[in-house]
Amino acid sequence: QDQFVESGGGLVQPGGSLTLSCATSTILAKYRNMAWYRQAPGNQRELVGTITVGGDKTYADFVKGRFTISRNIDQNTIYLQMNNLLPEDTAVYYCNRDQPRGFWGQGTQVTVSP
């Protein structure tokens, strides 16, 4: 069973920054394409961005230029660096495979508010 433990969320003012972490298994961290997703209240879960095993990255238009995905295979961790946060970035953030298999972690809450 896949394992995802997201952390690093919190309350931040607009324009602020946060770095989210996702601890996962060795197999996923080293050998699988991974992604970050988010779900705001009343909305469906949406893709934020992806990172391949080779390090190639893609981002949703609404975070381009503000968010950066990275991975540390030595620590089995996927990161999401978020800069210039906006109130509409408020959501629960999750990491998973780029093609999820149905299992999700608990996510980490990000709230952007004055």
C-alpha atoms as a PDB file:
ATOM      1  CA  GLN A   1       0.000   0.000   0.000  1.00  0.00           C
ATOM      2  CA  ASP A   2       1.266   3.463  -0.888  1.00  0.00           C
ATOM      3  CA  GLN A   3       2.380   5.702   1.943  1.00  0.00           C
ATOM      4  CA  PHE A   4       2.163   9.484   2.046  1.00  0.00           C
ATOM      5  CA  VAL A   5       2.726  11.716   5.071  1.00  0.00           C
ATOM      6  CA  GLU A   6       2.277  15.377   4.202  1.00  0.00           C
ATOM      7  CA  SER A   7       3.418  18.182   6.501  1.00  0.00           C
ATOM      8  CA  GLY A   8       4.417  21.816   6.557  1.00  0.00           C
ATOM      9  CA  GLY A   9       1.075  23.517   6.115  1.00  0.00           C
ATOM     10  CA  GLY A  10      -0.172  26.398   8.189  1.00  0.00           C
ATOM     11  CA  LEU A  11      -1.586  29.895   8.227  1.00  0.00           C
ATOM     12  CA  VAL A  12       0.259  32.463   6.129  1.00  0.00           C
ATOM     13  CA  GLN A  13      -0.479  35.974   4.936  1.00  0.00           C
ATOM     14  CA  PRO A  14      -0.956  36.746   1.249  1.00  0.00           C
ATOM     15  CA  GLY A  15       2.422  37.071  -0.408  1.00  0.00           C
ATOM     16  CA  GLY A  16       4.014  34.707   2.065  1.00  0.00           C
ATOM     17  CA  SER A  17       5.781  31.399   1.534  1.00  0.00           C
ATOM     18  CA  LEU A  18       5.540  27.831   2.765  1.00  0.00           C
ATOM     19  CA  THR A  19       7.369  24.614   1.999  1.00  0.00           C
ATOM     20  CA  LEU A  20       5.383  21.403   2.139  1.00  0.00           C
ATOM     21  CA  SER A  21       6.972  18.003   2.599  1.00  0.00           C
ATOM     22  CA  CYS A  22       5.729  14.551   1.702  1.00  0.00           C
ATOM     23  CA  ALA A  23       7.417  11.535   3.220  1.00  0.00           C
ATOM     24  CA  THR A  24       6.819   8.449   1.170  1.00  0.00           C
ATOM     25  CA  SER A  25       8.233   5.024   0.445  1.00  0.00           C
ATOM     26  CA  THR A  26      11.633   4.428  -1.118  1.00  0.00           C
ATOM     27  CA  ILE A  27      10.048   2.925  -4.227  1.00  0.00           C
ATOM     28  CA  LEU A  28       7.817   5.914  -4.856  1.00  0.00           C
ATOM     29  CA  ALA A  29      10.449   8.511  -4.018  1.00  0.00           C
ATOM     30  CA  LYS A  30      13.075   6.972  -6.293  1.00  0.00           C
ATOM     31  CA  TYR A  31      11.238   5.155  -9.062  1.00  0.00           C
ATOM     32  CA  ARG A  32       7.844   6.769  -9.661  1.00  0.00           C
ATOM     33  CA  ASN A  33       6.603  10.008 -11.147  1.00  0.00           C
ATOM     34  CA  MET A  34       5.035  11.991  -8.334  1.00  0.00           C
ATOM     35  CA  ALA A  35       2.660  14.927  -7.984  1.00  0.00           C
ATOM     36  CA  TRP A  36       1.105  17.437  -5.652  1.00  0.00           C
ATOM     37  CA  TYR A  37      -2.639  17.980  -5.563  1.00  0.00           C
ATOM     38  CA  ARG A  38      -4.946  20.252  -3.623  1.00  0.00           C
ATOM     39  CA  GLN A  39      -8.579  20.401  -2.629  1.00  0.00           C
ATOM     40  CA  ALA A  40     -10.339  23.545  -1.516  1.00  0.00           C
ATOM     41  CA  PRO A  41     -13.638  23.398   0.399  1.00  0.00           C
ATOM     42  CA  GLY A  42     -16.502  22.614  -1.950  1.00  0.00           C
ATOM     43  CA  ASN A  43     -14.157  21.902  -4.854  1.00  0.00           C
ATOM     44  CA  GLN A  44     -12.819  18.790  -6.459  1.00  0.00           C
ATOM     45  CA  ARG A  45      -9.216  17.758  -5.942  1.00  0.00           C
ATOM     46  CA  GLU A  46      -6.989  19.301  -8.600  1.00  0.00           C
ATOM     47  CA  LEU A  47      -3.486  18.731  -9.852  1.00  0.00           C
ATOM     48  CA  VAL A  48      -0.905  21.319  -8.793  1.00  0.00           C
ATOM     49  CA  GLY A  49       2.165  19.891 -10.496  1.00  0.00           C
ATOM     50  CA  THR A  50       4.203  16.813 -11.285  1.00  0.00           C
ATOM     51  CA  ILE A  51       7.809  15.688 -11.131  1.00  0.00           C
ATOM     52  CA  THR A  52       9.201  12.763 -13.072  1.00  0.00           C
ATOM     53  CA  VAL A  53      11.864  10.338 -11.959  1.00  0.00           C
ATOM     54  CA  GLY A  54      14.242  12.241 -14.201  1.00  0.00           C
ATOM     55  CA  GLY A  55      13.364  15.536 -12.581  1.00  0.00           C
ATOM     56  CA  ASP A  56      11.168  17.032 -15.294  1.00  0.00           C
ATOM     57  CA  LYS A  57       8.405  19.192 -13.863  1.00  0.00           C
ATOM     58  CA  THR A  58       5.032  20.446 -14.965  1.00  0.00           C
ATOM     59  CA  TYR A  59       2.750  22.923 -13.220  1.00  0.00           C
ATOM     60  CA  ALA A  60      -0.851  23.983 -13.376  1.00  0.00           C
ATOM     61  CA  ASP A  61      -1.248  27.443 -14.873  1.00  0.00           C
ATOM     62  CA  PHE A  62      -2.546  28.832 -11.594  1.00  0.00           C
ATOM     63  CA  VAL A  63       0.777  28.139  -9.800  1.00  0.00           C
ATOM     64  CA  LYS A  64       3.325  28.636 -12.573  1.00  0.00           C
ATOM     65  CA  GLY A  65       6.142  30.899 -11.497  1.00  0.00           C
ATOM     66  CA  ARG A  66       5.131  30.670  -7.830  1.00  0.00           C
ATOM     67  CA  PHE A  67       5.419  26.984  -6.847  1.00  0.00           C
ATOM     68  CA  THR A  68       8.338  24.584  -7.260  1.00  0.00           C
ATOM     69  CA  ILE A  69       8.310  20.810  -6.866  1.00  0.00           C
ATOM     70  CA  SER A  70      11.443  18.905  -5.927  1.00  0.00           C
ATOM     71  CA  ARG A  71      12.397  15.504  -4.607  1.00  0.00           C
ATOM     72  CA  ASN A  72      15.118  14.217  -2.300  1.00  0.00           C
ATOM     73  CA  ILE A  73      15.594  10.531  -2.983  1.00  0.00           C
ATOM     74  CA  ASP A  74      18.002  10.136  -0.073  1.00  0.00           C
ATOM     75  CA  GLN A  75      15.270  11.260   2.312  1.00  0.00           C
ATOM     76  CA  ASN A  76      12.355   9.677   0.396  1.00  0.00           C
ATOM     77  CA  THR A  77      10.668  13.062   0.374  1.00  0.00           C
ATOM     78  CA  ILE A  78       8.818  15.178  -2.173  1.00  0.00           C
ATOM     79  CA  TYR A  79       8.671  18.933  -1.608  1.00  0.00           C
ATOM     80  CA  LEU A  80       6.430  21.768  -2.716  1.00  0.00           C
ATOM     81  CA  GLN A  81       7.934  25.228  -2.321  1.00  0.00           C
ATOM     82  CA  MET A  82       5.150  27.825  -2.472  1.00  0.00           C
ATOM     83  CA  ASN A  83       5.906  31.519  -2.891  1.00  0.00           C
ATOM     84  CA  ASN A  84       3.720  34.576  -3.315  1.00  0.00           C
ATOM     85  CA  LEU A  85       0.749  32.738  -1.859  1.00  0.00           C
ATOM     86  CA  LEU A  86      -2.743  33.965  -2.656  1.00  0.00           C
ATOM     87  CA  PRO A  87      -5.988  33.513  -0.717  1.00  0.00           C
ATOM     88  CA  GLU A  88      -7.211  31.214  -3.489  1.00  0.00           C
ATOM     89  CA  ASP A  89      -4.326  28.851  -2.689  1.00  0.00           C
ATOM     90  CA  THR A  90      -6.136  27.946   0.525  1.00  0.00           C
ATOM     91  CA  ALA A  91      -6.710  24.187   0.406  1.00  0.00           C
ATOM     92  CA  VAL A  92      -5.630  20.840   1.746  1.00  0.00           C
ATOM     93  CA  TYR A  93      -2.532  19.745  -0.144  1.00  0.00           C
ATOM     94  CA  TYR A  94      -1.725  16.131  -0.940  1.00  0.00           C
ATOM     95  CA  CYS A  95       1.096  14.295  -2.650  1.00  0.00           C
ATOM     96  CA  ASN A  96       0.606  11.108  -4.632  1.00  0.00           C
ATOM     97  CA  ARG A  97       1.667   9.311  -7.763  1.00  0.00           C
ATOM     98  CA  ASP A  98       1.056  11.231 -10.975  1.00  0.00           C
ATOM     99  CA  GLN A  99      -1.581   8.550 -11.584  1.00  0.00           C
ATOM    100  CA  PRO A 100      -3.081   7.883  -8.149  1.00  0.00           C
ATOM    101  CA  ARG A 101      -4.302   4.407  -7.287  1.00  0.00           C
ATOM    102  CA  GLY A 102      -6.994   5.445  -4.852  1.00  0.00           C
ATOM    103  CA  PHE A 103      -5.029   5.696  -1.613  1.00  0.00           C
ATOM    104  CA  TRP A 104      -4.418   9.182  -0.203  1.00  0.00           C
ATOM    105  CA  GLY A 105      -2.646  10.516   2.834  1.00  0.00           C
ATOM    106  CA  GLN A 106      -4.218  12.900   5.319  1.00  0.00           C
ATOM    107  CA  GLY A 107      -2.937  15.988   3.523  1.00  0.00           C
ATOM    108  CA  THR A 108      -1.743  19.237   5.062  1.00  0.00           C
ATOM    109  CA  GLN A 109      -3.891  22.345   5.416  1.00  0.00           C
ATOM    110  CA  VAL A 110      -2.680  25.606   3.888  1.00  0.00           C
ATOM    111  CA  THR A 111      -4.617  28.736   4.770  1.00  0.00           C
ATOM    112  CA  VAL A 112      -3.745  32.055   3.159  1.00  0.00           C
ATOM    113  CA  SER A 113      -5.416  34.935   4.940  1.00  0.00           C
ATOM    114  CA  PRO A 114      -4.544  38.440   6.204  1.00  0.00           C
END
